[in-house]
Amino acid sequence: MKTVSMQLVTVELENGHRGVFIGAPLVTDERADADCQVEEVWFSDIQDVPDEISLTRLIRMLQDQLCRCLATLQ
């Protein structure tokens, strides 16, 4: 079976609300040094996705979003 690496990021706000975000791994055991500290955090607009979306389709959407963000920065 083919696998995909994913990482969860949990954010807790001062008011106690929490969100969990899923994405491609940013920090791995091999790269958990000082160069991997969080510098900035961006939030996209809220997007409605079908509740039966496949993981493959969701990953493609995430990759597309990341490409648009990187293109905006350049």
N, C-alpha and C. Protein backbone atom coordinates (compact mmCIF):
# COMPACT_ATOMS: atom_id res chain seq x y z
N MET A 1 0.84 -1.18 0.00
CA MET A 1 0.00 0.00 0.00
C MET A 1 0.89 1.24 0.00
N LYS A 2 0.56 2.18 -0.85
CA LYS A 2 1.28 3.45 -0.91
C LYS A 2 0.88 4.30 0.29
N THR A 3 1.84 4.96 0.90
CA THR A 3 1.55 5.83 2.05
C THR A 3 1.89 7.27 1.72
N VAL A 4 1.33 8.17 2.50
CA VAL A 4 1.57 9.60 2.37
C VAL A 4 1.92 10.13 3.75
N SER A 5 3.00 10.88 3.85
CA SER A 5 3.38 11.47 5.14
C SER A 5 2.51 12.67 5.43
N MET A 6 1.96 12.72 6.62
CA MET A 6 1.10 13.82 7.04
C MET A 6 1.54 14.24 8.44
N GLN A 7 1.28 15.49 8.77
CA GLN A 7 1.59 15.99 10.11
C GLN A 7 0.42 16.84 10.58
N LEU A 8 0.04 16.68 11.83
CA LEU A 8 -1.02 17.48 12.43
C LEU A 8 -0.38 18.64 13.20
N VAL A 9 -0.99 19.79 13.09
CA VAL A 9 -0.57 20.95 13.86
C VAL A 9 -1.79 21.39 14.66
N THR A 10 -1.65 21.43 15.96
CA THR A 10 -2.74 21.87 16.83
C THR A 10 -2.43 23.27 17.34
N VAL A 11 -3.40 24.16 17.19
CA VAL A 11 -3.24 25.54 17.63
C VAL A 11 -4.30 25.80 18.70
N GLU A 12 -3.87 26.34 19.83
CA GLU A 12 -4.81 26.70 20.89
C GLU A 12 -4.78 28.22 21.08
N LEU A 13 -5.95 28.83 21.03
CA LEU A 13 -6.08 30.27 21.21
C LEU A 13 -6.20 30.61 22.68
N GLU A 14 -5.99 31.87 23.01
CA GLU A 14 -6.11 32.31 24.40
C GLU A 14 -7.48 32.03 24.98
N ASN A 15 -8.52 32.04 24.13
CA ASN A 15 -9.88 31.81 24.62
C ASN A 15 -10.21 30.33 24.80
N GLY A 16 -9.23 29.45 24.56
CA GLY A 16 -9.43 28.02 24.76
C GLY A 16 -9.86 27.26 23.52
N HIS A 17 -10.22 27.97 22.45
CA HIS A 17 -10.59 27.29 21.21
C HIS A 17 -9.36 26.65 20.59
N ARG A 18 -9.57 25.47 20.00
CA ARG A 18 -8.46 24.76 19.38
C ARG A 18 -8.81 24.42 17.94
N GLY A 19 -7.81 24.37 17.11
CA GLY A 19 -7.95 23.92 15.74
C GLY A 19 -6.85 22.93 15.42
N VAL A 20 -7.17 21.97 14.59
CA VAL A 20 -6.18 21.00 14.15
C VAL A 20 -6.04 21.13 12.65
N PHE A 21 -4.83 21.24 12.18
CA PHE A 21 -4.55 21.42 10.76
C PHE A 21 -3.71 20.25 10.28
N ILE A 22 -4.01 19.78 9.09
CA ILE A 22 -3.34 18.63 8.51
C ILE A 22 -2.56 19.09 7.30
N GLY A 23 -1.34 18.63 7.17
CA GLY A 23 -0.57 19.02 5.99
C GLY A 23 0.68 18.17 5.82
N ALA A 24 1.45 18.54 4.84
CA ALA A 24 2.73 17.87 4.59
C ALA A 24 3.67 18.18 5.75
N PRO A 25 4.48 17.22 6.16
CA PRO A 25 5.37 17.42 7.30
C PRO A 25 6.35 18.58 7.08
N LEU A 26 6.46 19.42 8.09
CA LEU A 26 7.43 20.51 8.07
C LEU A 26 8.62 20.20 8.96
N VAL A 27 8.36 19.59 10.10
CA VAL A 27 9.40 19.29 11.07
C VAL A 27 9.44 17.77 11.26
N THR A 28 10.58 17.18 10.98
CA THR A 28 10.77 15.75 11.17
C THR A 28 11.82 15.54 12.25
N ASP A 29 11.97 14.32 12.70
CA ASP A 29 12.98 14.03 13.71
C ASP A 29 14.38 14.41 13.22
N GLU A 30 14.62 14.23 11.93
CA GLU A 30 15.94 14.53 11.37
C GLU A 30 16.18 16.03 11.25
N ARG A 31 15.10 16.82 11.19
CA ARG A 31 15.24 18.26 10.95
C ARG A 31 14.69 19.10 12.11
N ALA A 32 14.65 18.58 13.29
CA ALA A 32 14.07 19.30 14.43
C ALA A 32 15.12 20.15 15.14
N ASP A 33 15.82 20.98 14.38
CA ASP A 33 16.84 21.84 14.97
C ASP A 33 16.39 23.30 14.97
N ALA A 34 17.28 24.19 15.27
CA ALA A 34 16.93 25.60 15.39
C ALA A 34 16.42 26.20 14.08
N ASP A 35 16.82 25.64 12.95
CA ASP A 35 16.36 26.17 11.66
C ASP A 35 14.90 25.84 11.37
N CYS A 36 14.27 25.07 12.23
CA CYS A 36 12.88 24.65 12.00
C CYS A 36 11.90 25.37 12.93
N GLN A 37 12.30 26.47 13.51
CA GLN A 37 11.40 27.21 14.37
C GLN A 37 10.35 27.94 13.52
N VAL A 38 9.15 28.07 14.05
CA VAL A 38 8.07 28.74 13.32
C VAL A 38 8.40 30.22 13.19
N GLU A 39 8.34 30.72 11.97
CA GLU A 39 8.62 32.13 11.72
C GLU A 39 7.33 32.89 11.43
N GLU A 40 6.45 32.31 10.64
CA GLU A 40 5.18 32.94 10.30
C GLU A 40 4.09 31.87 10.19
N VAL A 41 2.86 32.30 10.39
CA VAL A 41 1.70 31.42 10.21
C VAL A 41 0.69 32.16 9.36
N TRP A 42 0.19 31.52 8.32
CA TRP A 42 -0.84 32.10 7.46
C TRP A 42 -2.07 31.23 7.51
N PHE A 43 -3.22 31.85 7.40
CA PHE A 43 -4.48 31.12 7.33
C PHE A 43 -5.15 31.45 6.01
N SER A 44 -5.64 30.43 5.35
CA SER A 44 -6.40 30.66 4.11
C SER A 44 -7.83 31.02 4.49
N ASP A 45 -8.60 31.40 3.49
CA ASP A 45 -10.03 31.55 3.72
C ASP A 45 -10.61 30.18 4.04
N ILE A 46 -11.74 30.16 4.71
CA ILE A 46 -12.41 28.89 5.00
C ILE A 46 -12.98 28.35 3.70
N GLN A 47 -12.71 27.09 3.44
CA GLN A 47 -13.16 26.46 2.21
C GLN A 47 -14.07 25.28 2.54
N ASP A 48 -15.21 25.22 1.88
CA ASP A 48 -16.11 24.09 2.04
C ASP A 48 -15.66 22.98 1.11
N VAL A 49 -15.49 21.79 1.65
CA VAL A 49 -15.13 20.62 0.85
C VAL A 49 -16.17 19.53 1.11
N PRO A 50 -16.36 18.67 0.13
CA PRO A 50 -17.34 17.59 0.33
C PRO A 50 -16.95 16.72 1.53
N ASP A 51 -17.94 16.31 2.31
CA ASP A 51 -17.62 15.50 3.49
C ASP A 51 -17.12 14.10 3.13
N GLU A 52 -17.25 13.71 1.89
CA GLU A 52 -16.77 12.40 1.42
C GLU A 52 -15.51 12.53 0.57
N ILE A 53 -14.78 13.65 0.70
CA ILE A 53 -13.60 13.88 -0.11
C ILE A 53 -12.54 12.82 0.19
N SER A 54 -11.85 12.39 -0.85
CA SER A 54 -10.79 11.40 -0.66
C SER A 54 -9.54 12.10 -0.13
N LEU A 55 -8.71 11.35 0.53
CA LEU A 55 -7.46 11.90 1.04
C LEU A 55 -6.58 12.39 -0.10
N THR A 56 -6.59 11.66 -1.20
CA THR A 56 -5.80 12.07 -2.37
C THR A 56 -6.24 13.42 -2.87
N ARG A 57 -7.54 13.63 -2.99
CA ARG A 57 -8.07 14.92 -3.48
C ARG A 57 -7.76 16.03 -2.48
N LEU A 58 -7.88 15.75 -1.20
CA LEU A 58 -7.58 16.75 -0.17
C LEU A 58 -6.11 17.17 -0.24
N ILE A 59 -5.22 16.22 -0.42
CA ILE A 59 -3.79 16.53 -0.51
C ILE A 59 -3.52 17.40 -1.73
N ARG A 60 -4.17 17.08 -2.86
CA ARG A 60 -4.00 17.92 -4.06
C ARG A 60 -4.46 19.35 -3.79
N MET A 61 -5.58 19.50 -3.09
CA MET A 61 -6.08 20.84 -2.76
C MET A 61 -5.07 21.58 -1.89
N LEU A 62 -4.48 20.88 -0.92
CA LEU A 62 -3.49 21.50 -0.04
C LEU A 62 -2.25 21.92 -0.84
N GLN A 63 -1.81 21.06 -1.74
CA GLN A 63 -0.65 21.40 -2.56
C GLN A 63 -0.93 22.60 -3.45
N ASP A 64 -2.13 22.66 -4.04
CA ASP A 64 -2.51 23.79 -4.87
C ASP A 64 -2.51 25.08 -4.06
N GLN A 65 -3.04 25.03 -2.85
CA GLN A 65 -3.08 26.20 -1.97
C GLN A 65 -1.67 26.67 -1.65
N LEU A 66 -0.79 25.74 -1.35
CA LEU A 66 0.59 26.09 -1.03
C LEU A 66 1.28 26.72 -2.22
N CYS A 67 1.07 26.19 -3.41
CA CYS A 67 1.66 26.76 -4.62
C CYS A 67 1.19 28.20 -4.84
N ARG A 68 -0.11 28.45 -4.61
CA ARG A 68 -0.64 29.82 -4.78
C ARG A 68 -0.02 30.75 -3.75
N CYS A 69 0.15 30.27 -2.52
CA CYS A 69 0.76 31.12 -1.47
C CYS A 69 2.20 31.46 -1.81
N LEU A 70 2.95 30.49 -2.27
CA LEU A 70 4.35 30.72 -2.62
C LEU A 70 4.46 31.66 -3.82
N ALA A 71 3.56 31.52 -4.78
CA ALA A 71 3.58 32.40 -5.95
C ALA A 71 3.26 33.83 -5.55
N THR A 72 2.39 34.02 -4.57
CA THR A 72 2.03 35.35 -4.10
C THR A 72 3.21 36.04 -3.43
N LEU A 73 4.04 35.27 -2.75
CA LEU A 73 5.19 35.84 -2.05
C LEU A 73 6.29 36.29 -2.99
N GLN A 74 6.38 35.71 -4.15
CA GLN A 74 7.47 36.03 -5.08
C GLN A 74 7.21 37.27 -5.78
